[in-house]
All heavy atoms as atom14 arrays in JSON, in Angstrom:
{
  "sequence": "ATHANPDTGERDARVLTALTRDLGLSEPTLGRLLLLSGVGGTIRVGD",
  "atom14_mask": [
    [1, 1, 1, 1, 1, 0, 0, 0, 0, 0, 0, 0, 0, 0],
    [1, 1, 1, 1, 1, 1, 1, 0, 0, 0, 0, 0, 0, 0],
    [1, 1, 1, 1, 1, 1, 1, 1, 1, 1, 0, 0, 0, 0],
    [1, 1, 1, 1, 1, 0, 0, 0, 0, 0, 0, 0, 0, 0],
    [1, 1, 1, 1, 1, 1, 1, 1, 0, 0, 0, 0, 0, 0],
    [1, 1, 1, 1, 1, 1, 1, 0, 0, 0, 0, 0, 0, 0],
    [1, 1, 1, 1, 1, 1, 1, 1, 0, 0, 0, 0, 0, 0],
    [1, 1, 1, 1, 1, 1, 1, 0, 0, 0, 0, 0, 0, 0],
    [1, 1, 1, 1, 0, 0, 0, 0, 0, 0, 0, 0, 0, 0],
    [1, 1, 1, 1, 1, 1, 1, 1, 1, 0, 0, 0, 0, 0],
    [1, 1, 1, 1, 1, 1, 1, 1, 1, 1, 1, 0, 0, 0],
    [1, 1, 1, 1, 1, 1, 1, 1, 0, 0, 0, 0, 0, 0],
    [1, 1, 1, 1, 1, 0, 0, 0, 0, 0, 0, 0, 0, 0],
    [1, 1, 1, 1, 1, 1, 1, 1, 1, 1, 1, 0, 0, 0],
    [1, 1, 1, 1, 1, 1, 1, 0, 0, 0, 0, 0, 0, 0],
    [1, 1, 1, 1, 1, 1, 1, 1, 0, 0, 0, 0, 0, 0],
    [1, 1, 1, 1, 1, 1, 1, 0, 0, 0, 0, 0, 0, 0],
    [1, 1, 1, 1, 1, 0, 0, 0, 0, 0, 0, 0, 0, 0],
    [1, 1, 1, 1, 1, 1, 1, 1, 0, 0, 0, 0, 0, 0],
    [1, 1, 1, 1, 1, 1, 1, 0, 0, 0, 0, 0, 0, 0],
    [1, 1, 1, 1, 1, 1, 1, 1, 1, 1, 1, 0, 0, 0],
    [1, 1, 1, 1, 1, 1, 1, 1, 0, 0, 0, 0, 0, 0],
    [1, 1, 1, 1, 1, 1, 1, 1, 0, 0, 0, 0, 0, 0],
    [1, 1, 1, 1, 0, 0, 0, 0, 0, 0, 0, 0, 0, 0],
    [1, 1, 1, 1, 1, 1, 1, 1, 0, 0, 0, 0, 0, 0],
    [1, 1, 1, 1, 1, 1, 0, 0, 0, 0, 0, 0, 0, 0],
    [1, 1, 1, 1, 1, 1, 1, 1, 1, 0, 0, 0, 0, 0],
    [1, 1, 1, 1, 1, 1, 1, 0, 0, 0, 0, 0, 0, 0],
    [1, 1, 1, 1, 1, 1, 1, 0, 0, 0, 0, 0, 0, 0],
    [1, 1, 1, 1, 1, 1, 1, 1, 0, 0, 0, 0, 0, 0],
    [1, 1, 1, 1, 0, 0, 0, 0, 0, 0, 0, 0, 0, 0],
    [1, 1, 1, 1, 1, 1, 1, 1, 1, 1, 1, 0, 0, 0],
    [1, 1, 1, 1, 1, 1, 1, 1, 0, 0, 0, 0, 0, 0],
    [1, 1, 1, 1, 1, 1, 1, 1, 0, 0, 0, 0, 0, 0],
    [1, 1, 1, 1, 1, 1, 1, 1, 0, 0, 0, 0, 0, 0],
    [1, 1, 1, 1, 1, 1, 1, 1, 0, 0, 0, 0, 0, 0],
    [1, 1, 1, 1, 1, 1, 0, 0, 0, 0, 0, 0, 0, 0],
    [1, 1, 1, 1, 0, 0, 0, 0, 0, 0, 0, 0, 0, 0],
    [1, 1, 1, 1, 1, 1, 1, 0, 0, 0, 0, 0, 0, 0],
    [1, 1, 1, 1, 0, 0, 0, 0, 0, 0, 0, 0, 0, 0],
    [1, 1, 1, 1, 0, 0, 0, 0, 0, 0, 0, 0, 0, 0],
    [1, 1, 1, 1, 1, 1, 1, 0, 0, 0, 0, 0, 0, 0],
    [1, 1, 1, 1, 1, 1, 1, 1, 0, 0, 0, 0, 0, 0],
    [1, 1, 1, 1, 1, 1, 1, 1, 1, 1, 1, 0, 0, 0],
    [1, 1, 1, 1, 1, 1, 1, 0, 0, 0, 0, 0, 0, 0],
    [1, 1, 1, 1, 0, 0, 0, 0, 0, 0, 0, 0, 0, 0],
    [1, 1, 1, 1, 1, 1, 1, 1, 0, 0, 0, 0, 0, 0]
  ],
  "atom14_positions": [
    [[122.35, 109.55, 119.94], [123.07, 108.92, 118.82], [123.26, 109.89, 117.67], [124.22, 109.78, 116.91], [122.34, 107.67, 118.35], [0.0, 0.0, 0.0], [0.0, 0.0, 0.0], [0.0, 0.0, 0.0], [0.0, 0.0, 0.0], [0.0, 0.0, 0.0], [0.0, 0.0, 0.0], [0.0, 0.0, 0.0], [0.0, 0.0, 0.0], [0.0, 0.0, 0.0]],
    [[122.38, 110.87, 117.54], [122.5, 111.85, 116.45], [123.71, 112.77, 116.62], [124.13, 113.42, 115.68], [121.23, 112.71, 116.34], [121.03, 113.4, 117.57], [120.03, 111.87, 115.98], [0.0, 0.0, 0.0], [0.0, 0.0, 0.0], [0.0, 0.0, 0.0], [0.0, 0.0, 0.0], [0.0, 0.0, 0.0], [0.0, 0.0, 0.0], [0.0, 0.0, 0.0]],
    [[124.28, 112.81, 117.82], [125.48, 113.63, 118.06], [126.73, 113.0, 117.48], [127.74, 113.66, 117.31], [125.68, 113.84, 119.57], [124.69, 114.79, 120.17], [125.01, 115.54, 121.27], [123.41, 115.1, 119.86], [123.95, 116.28, 121.61], [122.99, 116.02, 120.77], [0.0, 0.0, 0.0], [0.0, 0.0, 0.0], [0.0, 0.0, 0.0], [0.0, 0.0, 0.0]],
    [[126.69, 111.68, 117.2], [127.88, 110.96, 116.76], [128.05, 110.94, 115.26], [127.1, 110.67, 114.51], [127.83, 109.52, 117.29], [0.0, 0.0, 0.0], [0.0, 0.0, 0.0], [0.0, 0.0, 0.0], [0.0, 0.0, 0.0], [0.0, 0.0, 0.0], [0.0, 0.0, 0.0], [0.0, 0.0, 0.0], [0.0, 0.0, 0.0], [0.0, 0.0, 0.0]],
    [[129.26, 111.22, 114.81], [129.62, 111.13, 113.4], [129.48, 109.65, 112.97], [130.06, 108.77, 113.61], [131.06, 111.6, 113.24], [131.52, 111.57, 111.81], [131.46, 110.55, 111.14], [132.04, 112.71, 111.35], [0.0, 0.0, 0.0], [0.0, 0.0, 0.0], [0.0, 0.0, 0.0], [0.0, 0.0, 0.0], [0.0, 0.0, 0.0], [0.0, 0.0, 0.0]],
    [[128.71, 109.37, 111.91], [128.49, 107.97, 111.53], [129.75, 107.26, 111.0], [129.79, 106.03, 110.97], [127.42, 108.06, 110.45], [127.43, 109.45, 109.97], [127.96, 110.28, 111.08], [0.0, 0.0, 0.0], [0.0, 0.0, 0.0], [0.0, 0.0, 0.0], [0.0, 0.0, 0.0], [0.0, 0.0, 0.0], [0.0, 0.0, 0.0], [0.0, 0.0, 0.0]],
    [[130.76, 107.99, 110.62], [132.0, 107.39, 110.14], [133.0, 107.12, 111.27], [133.7, 106.1, 111.27], [132.67, 108.25, 109.07], [131.85, 108.29, 107.79], [131.26, 107.24, 107.42], [131.77, 109.37, 107.17], [0.0, 0.0, 0.0], [0.0, 0.0, 0.0], [0.0, 0.0, 0.0], [0.0, 0.0, 0.0], [0.0, 0.0, 0.0], [0.0, 0.0, 0.0]],
    [[133.08, 108.04, 112.23], [134.11, 107.93, 113.27], [133.57, 107.56, 114.64], [134.32, 107.12, 115.5], [134.85, 109.28, 113.41], [133.9, 110.26, 113.92], [135.43, 109.75, 112.1], [0.0, 0.0, 0.0], [0.0, 0.0, 0.0], [0.0, 0.0, 0.0], [0.0, 0.0, 0.0], [0.0, 0.0, 0.0], [0.0, 0.0, 0.0], [0.0, 0.0, 0.0]],
    [[132.27, 107.76, 114.87], [131.69, 107.53, 116.18], [131.92, 108.67, 117.15], [131.4, 108.68, 118.26], [0.0, 0.0, 0.0], [0.0, 0.0, 0.0], [0.0, 0.0, 0.0], [0.0, 0.0, 0.0], [0.0, 0.0, 0.0], [0.0, 0.0, 0.0], [0.0, 0.0, 0.0], [0.0, 0.0, 0.0], [0.0, 0.0, 0.0], [0.0, 0.0, 0.0]],
    [[132.7, 109.67, 116.75], [133.0, 110.82, 117.59], [131.76, 111.7, 117.73], [131.08, 111.99, 116.74], [134.13, 111.63, 116.97], [134.46, 112.9, 117.72], [135.47, 113.78, 116.97], [136.05, 113.31, 115.97], [135.61, 114.93, 117.39], [0.0, 0.0, 0.0], [0.0, 0.0, 0.0], [0.0, 0.0, 0.0], [0.0, 0.0, 0.0], [0.0, 0.0, 0.0]],
    [[131.49, 112.15, 118.94], [130.39, 113.1, 119.15], [130.9, 114.48, 118.77], [131.74, 115.06, 119.45], [129.93, 113.07, 120.6], [129.17, 111.82, 120.92], [128.49, 111.91, 122.26], [127.7, 110.7, 122.45], [126.95, 110.48, 123.48], [126.89, 111.4, 124.45], [126.27, 109.39, 123.6], [0.0, 0.0, 0.0], [0.0, 0.0, 0.0], [0.0, 0.0, 0.0]],
    [[130.37, 114.98, 117.66], [130.9, 116.23, 117.12], [129.83, 117.25, 116.76], [130.13, 118.28, 116.18], [131.76, 115.92, 115.89], [130.98, 115.26, 114.76], [129.76, 115.02, 114.91], [131.59, 114.97, 113.73], [0.0, 0.0, 0.0], [0.0, 0.0, 0.0], [0.0, 0.0, 0.0], [0.0, 0.0, 0.0], [0.0, 0.0, 0.0], [0.0, 0.0, 0.0]],
    [[128.56, 116.97, 117.09], [127.49, 117.92, 116.78], [126.42, 117.84, 117.88], [125.98, 116.75, 118.21], [126.89, 117.62, 115.41], [0.0, 0.0, 0.0], [0.0, 0.0, 0.0], [0.0, 0.0, 0.0], [0.0, 0.0, 0.0], [0.0, 0.0, 0.0], [0.0, 0.0, 0.0], [0.0, 0.0, 0.0], [0.0, 0.0, 0.0], [0.0, 0.0, 0.0]],
    [[126.02, 118.99, 118.37], [124.99, 119.03, 119.43], [123.59, 119.16, 118.79], [122.95, 120.19, 118.84], [125.28, 120.18, 120.37], [126.66, 119.97, 121.06], [126.93, 120.96, 122.12], [125.92, 120.76, 123.17], [125.75, 121.55, 124.18], [126.5, 122.6, 124.32], [124.85, 121.31, 125.09], [0.0, 0.0, 0.0], [0.0, 0.0, 0.0], [0.0, 0.0, 0.0]],
    [[123.17, 118.07, 118.17], [121.92, 118.05, 117.41], [120.7, 118.32, 118.29], [119.84, 119.12, 117.94], [121.79, 116.72, 116.65], [120.42, 116.61, 115.99], [122.89, 116.58, 115.61], [0.0, 0.0, 0.0], [0.0, 0.0, 0.0], [0.0, 0.0, 0.0], [0.0, 0.0, 0.0], [0.0, 0.0, 0.0], [0.0, 0.0, 0.0], [0.0, 0.0, 0.0]],
    [[120.62, 117.67, 119.43], [119.44, 117.83, 120.3], [119.3, 119.26, 120.78], [118.2, 119.82, 120.8], [119.5, 116.86, 121.49], [119.62, 115.38, 121.15], [119.59, 114.54, 122.42], [118.55, 114.95, 120.18], [0.0, 0.0, 0.0], [0.0, 0.0, 0.0], [0.0, 0.0, 0.0], [0.0, 0.0, 0.0], [0.0, 0.0, 0.0], [0.0, 0.0, 0.0]],
    [[120.4, 119.87, 121.14], [120.4, 121.27, 121.57], [119.98, 122.18, 120.41], [119.2, 123.11, 120.61], [121.79, 121.68, 122.08], [122.13, 120.83, 123.18], [121.81, 123.13, 122.53], [0.0, 0.0, 0.0], [0.0, 0.0, 0.0], [0.0, 0.0, 0.0], [0.0, 0.0, 0.0], [0.0, 0.0, 0.0], [0.0, 0.0, 0.0], [0.0, 0.0, 0.0]],
    [[120.48, 121.91, 119.23], [120.1, 122.73, 118.07], [118.6, 122.63, 117.79], [117.96, 123.62, 117.48], [120.9, 122.31, 116.84], [0.0, 0.0, 0.0], [0.0, 0.0, 0.0], [0.0, 0.0, 0.0], [0.0, 0.0, 0.0], [0.0, 0.0, 0.0], [0.0, 0.0, 0.0], [0.0, 0.0, 0.0], [0.0, 0.0, 0.0], [0.0, 0.0, 0.0]],
    [[118.05, 121.42, 117.93], [116.62, 121.24, 117.67], [115.76, 121.94, 118.7], [114.73, 122.53, 118.36], [116.27, 119.76, 117.61], [116.82, 118.98, 116.4], [116.63, 117.49, 116.59], [116.17, 119.46, 115.12], [0.0, 0.0, 0.0], [0.0, 0.0, 0.0], [0.0, 0.0, 0.0], [0.0, 0.0, 0.0], [0.0, 0.0, 0.0], [0.0, 0.0, 0.0]],
    [[116.15, 121.88, 119.97], [115.31, 122.45, 121.02], [115.62, 123.93, 121.28], [114.77, 124.79, 121.11], [115.43, 121.64, 122.32], [116.8, 121.53, 122.69], [114.83, 120.27, 122.16], [0.0, 0.0, 0.0], [0.0, 0.0, 0.0], [0.0, 0.0, 0.0], [0.0, 0.0, 0.0], [0.0, 0.0, 0.0], [0.0, 0.0, 0.0], [0.0, 0.0, 0.0]],
    [[116.83, 124.23, 121.65], [117.17, 125.61, 122.0], [117.2, 126.52, 120.76], [116.59, 127.58, 120.76], [118.52, 125.68, 122.71], [118.83, 127.1, 123.22], [120.23, 127.23, 123.72], [121.15, 127.05, 122.58], [122.42, 126.65, 122.7], [122.93, 126.38, 123.86], [123.15, 126.5, 121.63], [0.0, 0.0, 0.0], [0.0, 0.0, 0.0], [0.0, 0.0, 0.0]],
    [[117.91, 126.1, 119.73], [118.1, 126.97, 118.57], [116.89, 127.04, 117.66], [116.59, 128.1, 117.09], [119.33, 126.52, 117.77], [120.6, 126.59, 118.57], [120.64, 127.3, 119.6], [121.58, 125.93, 118.17], [0.0, 0.0, 0.0], [0.0, 0.0, 0.0], [0.0, 0.0, 0.0], [0.0, 0.0, 0.0], [0.0, 0.0, 0.0], [0.0, 0.0, 0.0]],
    [[116.18, 125.91, 117.46], [115.03, 125.91, 116.58], [113.7, 126.02, 117.33], [112.64, 126.1, 116.71], [115.05, 124.66, 115.68], [116.24, 124.58, 114.74], [116.18, 123.3, 113.92], [116.28, 125.79, 113.82], [0.0, 0.0, 0.0], [0.0, 0.0, 0.0], [0.0, 0.0, 0.0], [0.0, 0.0, 0.0], [0.0, 0.0, 0.0], [0.0, 0.0, 0.0]],
    [[113.75, 126.0, 118.66], [112.57, 126.27, 119.47], [111.57, 125.13, 119.59], [110.43, 125.36, 119.96], [0.0, 0.0, 0.0], [0.0, 0.0, 0.0], [0.0, 0.0, 0.0], [0.0, 0.0, 0.0], [0.0, 0.0, 0.0], [0.0, 0.0, 0.0], [0.0, 0.0, 0.0], [0.0, 0.0, 0.0], [0.0, 0.0, 0.0], [0.0, 0.0, 0.0]],
    [[111.99, 123.89, 119.31], [111.07, 122.77, 119.46], [110.97, 122.39, 120.94], [111.95, 122.47, 121.67], [111.56, 121.57, 118.65], [111.64, 121.79, 117.15], [112.29, 120.57, 116.48], [110.28, 122.03, 116.56], [0.0, 0.0, 0.0], [0.0, 0.0, 0.0], [0.0, 0.0, 0.0], [0.0, 0.0, 0.0], [0.0, 0.0, 0.0], [0.0, 0.0, 0.0]],
    [[109.78, 121.93, 121.36], [109.64, 121.52, 122.76], [110.33, 120.19, 123.03], [110.71, 119.91, 124.15], [108.16, 121.45, 123.14], [107.5, 120.51, 122.32], [0.0, 0.0, 0.0], [0.0, 0.0, 0.0], [0.0, 0.0, 0.0], [0.0, 0.0, 0.0], [0.0, 0.0, 0.0], [0.0, 0.0, 0.0], [0.0, 0.0, 0.0], [0.0, 0.0, 0.0]],
    [[110.47, 119.36, 122.01], [111.21, 118.1, 122.08], [112.14, 118.03, 120.88], [111.86, 118.64, 119.85], [110.27, 116.9, 122.03], [109.37, 116.74, 123.22], [108.55, 115.48, 123.11], [107.67, 115.43, 122.23], [108.79, 114.55, 123.9], [0.0, 0.0, 0.0], [0.0, 0.0, 0.0], [0.0, 0.0, 0.0], [0.0, 0.0, 0.0], [0.0, 0.0, 0.0]],
    [[113.24, 117.29, 120.97], [114.17, 117.2, 119.85], [113.63, 116.27, 118.75], [114.04, 115.11, 118.62], [115.45, 116.66, 120.49], [114.96, 115.84, 121.64], [113.75, 116.55, 122.14], [0.0, 0.0, 0.0], [0.0, 0.0, 0.0], [0.0, 0.0, 0.0], [0.0, 0.0, 0.0], [0.0, 0.0, 0.0], [0.0, 0.0, 0.0], [0.0, 0.0, 0.0]],
    [[112.69, 116.77, 117.96], [112.07, 115.95, 116.93], [112.6, 116.33, 115.55], [112.9, 117.49, 115.27], [110.54, 116.12, 116.94], [110.23, 117.51, 116.81], [109.94, 115.61, 118.23], [0.0, 0.0, 0.0], [0.0, 0.0, 0.0], [0.0, 0.0, 0.0], [0.0, 0.0, 0.0], [0.0, 0.0, 0.0], [0.0, 0.0, 0.0], [0.0, 0.0, 0.0]],
    [[112.72, 115.3, 114.72], [113.08, 115.5, 113.32], [112.55, 114.31, 112.56], [112.97, 113.18, 112.82], [114.59, 115.62, 113.12], [114.99, 115.93, 111.69], [114.83, 117.42, 111.4], [116.4, 115.5, 111.41], [0.0, 0.0, 0.0], [0.0, 0.0, 0.0], [0.0, 0.0, 0.0], [0.0, 0.0, 0.0], [0.0, 0.0, 0.0], [0.0, 0.0, 0.0]],
    [[111.6, 114.53, 111.68], [111.01, 113.43, 110.92], [109.67, 113.0, 111.47], [109.23, 113.45, 112.53], [0.0, 0.0, 0.0], [0.0, 0.0, 0.0], [0.0, 0.0, 0.0], [0.0, 0.0, 0.0], [0.0, 0.0, 0.0], [0.0, 0.0, 0.0], [0.0, 0.0, 0.0], [0.0, 0.0, 0.0], [0.0, 0.0, 0.0], [0.0, 0.0, 0.0]],
    [[109.03, 112.14, 110.71], [107.69, 111.67, 111.04], [107.65, 110.16, 110.9], [108.16, 109.61, 109.92], [106.69, 112.28, 110.07], [105.27, 112.0, 110.36], [104.72, 113.07, 111.22], [103.36, 112.85, 111.63], [102.84, 113.49, 112.64], [103.55, 114.37, 113.28], [101.62, 113.27, 113.01], [0.0, 0.0, 0.0], [0.0, 0.0, 0.0], [0.0, 0.0, 0.0]],
    [[107.07, 109.47, 111.86], [106.86, 108.04, 111.75], [105.69, 107.8, 110.83], [104.58, 108.26, 111.08], [106.58, 107.43, 113.13], [106.26, 105.93, 113.15], [107.45, 105.13, 112.62], [105.88, 105.49, 114.55], [0.0, 0.0, 0.0], [0.0, 0.0, 0.0], [0.0, 0.0, 0.0], [0.0, 0.0, 0.0], [0.0, 0.0, 0.0], [0.0, 0.0, 0.0]],
    [[105.93, 107.1, 109.72], [104.89, 106.75, 108.77], [104.73, 105.24, 108.76], [105.71, 104.51, 108.57], [105.25, 107.23, 107.36], [105.44, 108.73, 107.16], [105.86, 109.03, 105.73], [104.15, 109.48, 107.5], [0.0, 0.0, 0.0], [0.0, 0.0, 0.0], [0.0, 0.0, 0.0], [0.0, 0.0, 0.0], [0.0, 0.0, 0.0], [0.0, 0.0, 0.0]],
    [[103.51, 104.78, 108.97], [103.22, 103.35, 108.96], [102.42, 103.01, 107.71], [101.52, 103.74, 107.32], [102.43, 102.95, 110.2], [103.11, 103.2, 111.53], [102.21, 102.81, 112.68], [104.43, 102.45, 111.6], [0.0, 0.0, 0.0], [0.0, 0.0, 0.0], [0.0, 0.0, 0.0], [0.0, 0.0, 0.0], [0.0, 0.0, 0.0], [0.0, 0.0, 0.0]],
    [[102.76, 101.9, 107.09], [102.09, 101.45, 105.9], [100.61, 101.28, 106.18], [100.23, 100.69, 107.17], [102.71, 100.1, 105.47], [102.37, 99.58, 104.11], [102.82, 100.53, 103.01], [103.02, 98.22, 103.9], [0.0, 0.0, 0.0], [0.0, 0.0, 0.0], [0.0, 0.0, 0.0], [0.0, 0.0, 0.0], [0.0, 0.0, 0.0], [0.0, 0.0, 0.0]],
    [[99.75, 101.83, 105.32], [98.31, 101.76, 105.58], [97.61, 100.71, 104.73], [96.4, 100.53, 104.83], [97.66, 103.13, 105.33], [97.71, 103.45, 103.96], [0.0, 0.0, 0.0], [0.0, 0.0, 0.0], [0.0, 0.0, 0.0], [0.0, 0.0, 0.0], [0.0, 0.0, 0.0], [0.0, 0.0, 0.0], [0.0, 0.0, 0.0], [0.0, 0.0, 0.0]],
    [[98.32, 100.0, 103.92], [97.72, 98.96, 103.07], [98.81, 98.11, 102.49], [99.78, 97.77, 103.15], [0.0, 0.0, 0.0], [0.0, 0.0, 0.0], [0.0, 0.0, 0.0], [0.0, 0.0, 0.0], [0.0, 0.0, 0.0], [0.0, 0.0, 0.0], [0.0, 0.0, 0.0], [0.0, 0.0, 0.0], [0.0, 0.0, 0.0], [0.0, 0.0, 0.0]],
    [[98.61, 97.79, 101.24], [99.59, 96.98, 100.51], [100.82, 97.79, 100.2], [100.73, 98.96, 99.86], [98.95, 96.44, 99.21], [99.95, 95.62, 98.42], [97.72, 95.61, 99.53], [0.0, 0.0, 0.0], [0.0, 0.0, 0.0], [0.0, 0.0, 0.0], [0.0, 0.0, 0.0], [0.0, 0.0, 0.0], [0.0, 0.0, 0.0], [0.0, 0.0, 0.0]],
    [[101.98, 97.18, 100.35], [103.24, 97.88, 100.06], [103.43, 98.07, 98.56], [102.55, 97.8, 97.76], [0.0, 0.0, 0.0], [0.0, 0.0, 0.0], [0.0, 0.0, 0.0], [0.0, 0.0, 0.0], [0.0, 0.0, 0.0], [0.0, 0.0, 0.0], [0.0, 0.0, 0.0], [0.0, 0.0, 0.0], [0.0, 0.0, 0.0], [0.0, 0.0, 0.0]],
    [[104.58, 98.52, 98.21], [104.9, 98.77, 96.81], [106.31, 99.27, 96.69], [107.11, 99.18, 97.62], [0.0, 0.0, 0.0], [0.0, 0.0, 0.0], [0.0, 0.0, 0.0], [0.0, 0.0, 0.0], [0.0, 0.0, 0.0], [0.0, 0.0, 0.0], [0.0, 0.0, 0.0], [0.0, 0.0, 0.0], [0.0, 0.0, 0.0], [0.0, 0.0, 0.0]],
    [[106.61, 99.85, 95.56], [107.94, 100.37, 95.3], [107.93, 101.88, 95.36], [107.05, 102.51, 94.79], [108.42, 99.92, 93.9], [108.4, 98.48, 93.87], [109.81, 100.42, 93.61], [0.0, 0.0, 0.0], [0.0, 0.0, 0.0], [0.0, 0.0, 0.0], [0.0, 0.0, 0.0], [0.0, 0.0, 0.0], [0.0, 0.0, 0.0], [0.0, 0.0, 0.0]],
    [[108.89, 102.43, 96.06], [109.11, 103.87, 96.11], [110.41, 104.14, 95.38], [111.42, 103.48, 95.65], [109.17, 104.38, 97.56], [107.82, 104.15, 98.25], [109.55, 105.86, 97.6], [107.84, 104.46, 99.73], [0.0, 0.0, 0.0], [0.0, 0.0, 0.0], [0.0, 0.0, 0.0], [0.0, 0.0, 0.0], [0.0, 0.0, 0.0], [0.0, 0.0, 0.0]],
    [[110.4, 105.11, 94.49], [111.58, 105.45, 93.72], [112.03, 106.88, 93.99], [111.2, 107.74, 94.32], [111.28, 105.3, 92.23], [111.02, 103.87, 91.81], [110.67, 103.79, 90.32], [110.49, 102.42, 89.9], [109.37, 101.72, 90.07], [108.33, 102.27, 90.67], [109.3, 100.47, 89.66], [0.0, 0.0, 0.0], [0.0, 0.0, 0.0], [0.0, 0.0, 0.0]],
    [[113.31, 107.12, 93.84], [113.83, 108.49, 93.94], [113.06, 109.35, 92.95], [112.88, 108.98, 91.79], [115.34, 108.52, 93.64], [115.83, 109.96, 93.58], [116.1, 107.72, 94.69], [0.0, 0.0, 0.0], [0.0, 0.0, 0.0], [0.0, 0.0, 0.0], [0.0, 0.0, 0.0], [0.0, 0.0, 0.0], [0.0, 0.0, 0.0], [0.0, 0.0, 0.0]],
    [[112.57, 110.47, 93.43], [111.83, 111.41, 92.57], [110.33, 111.23, 92.6], [109.59, 112.02, 92.02], [0.0, 0.0, 0.0], [0.0, 0.0, 0.0], [0.0, 0.0, 0.0], [0.0, 0.0, 0.0], [0.0, 0.0, 0.0], [0.0, 0.0, 0.0], [0.0, 0.0, 0.0], [0.0, 0.0, 0.0], [0.0, 0.0, 0.0], [0.0, 0.0, 0.0]],
    [[109.82, 110.17, 93.29], [108.38, 109.98, 93.39], [107.75, 111.18, 94.1], [108.33, 111.75, 95.02], [108.04, 108.71, 94.17], [108.07, 107.46, 93.31], [108.21, 107.58, 92.08], [107.97, 106.36, 93.89], [0.0, 0.0, 0.0], [0.0, 0.0, 0.0], [0.0, 0.0, 0.0], [0.0, 0.0, 0.0], [0.0, 0.0, 0.0], [0.0, 0.0, 0.0]]
  ]
}
C-alpha cells in the first residue's frame, strides 16, 4: 500500500525496495509500534 499515491491510487514509488535493497534493511520497516502504557492524555505538535 505504501507504493500507492494517496491522492490518485497510482503505484508510483517502490518504497519496499528502497527500504530493503537501497537502505539495507532485512525487512521493509519504517516506524515503531507504540502501545499506551497507562492513562492516555493529549499530545501536541512540538511536544
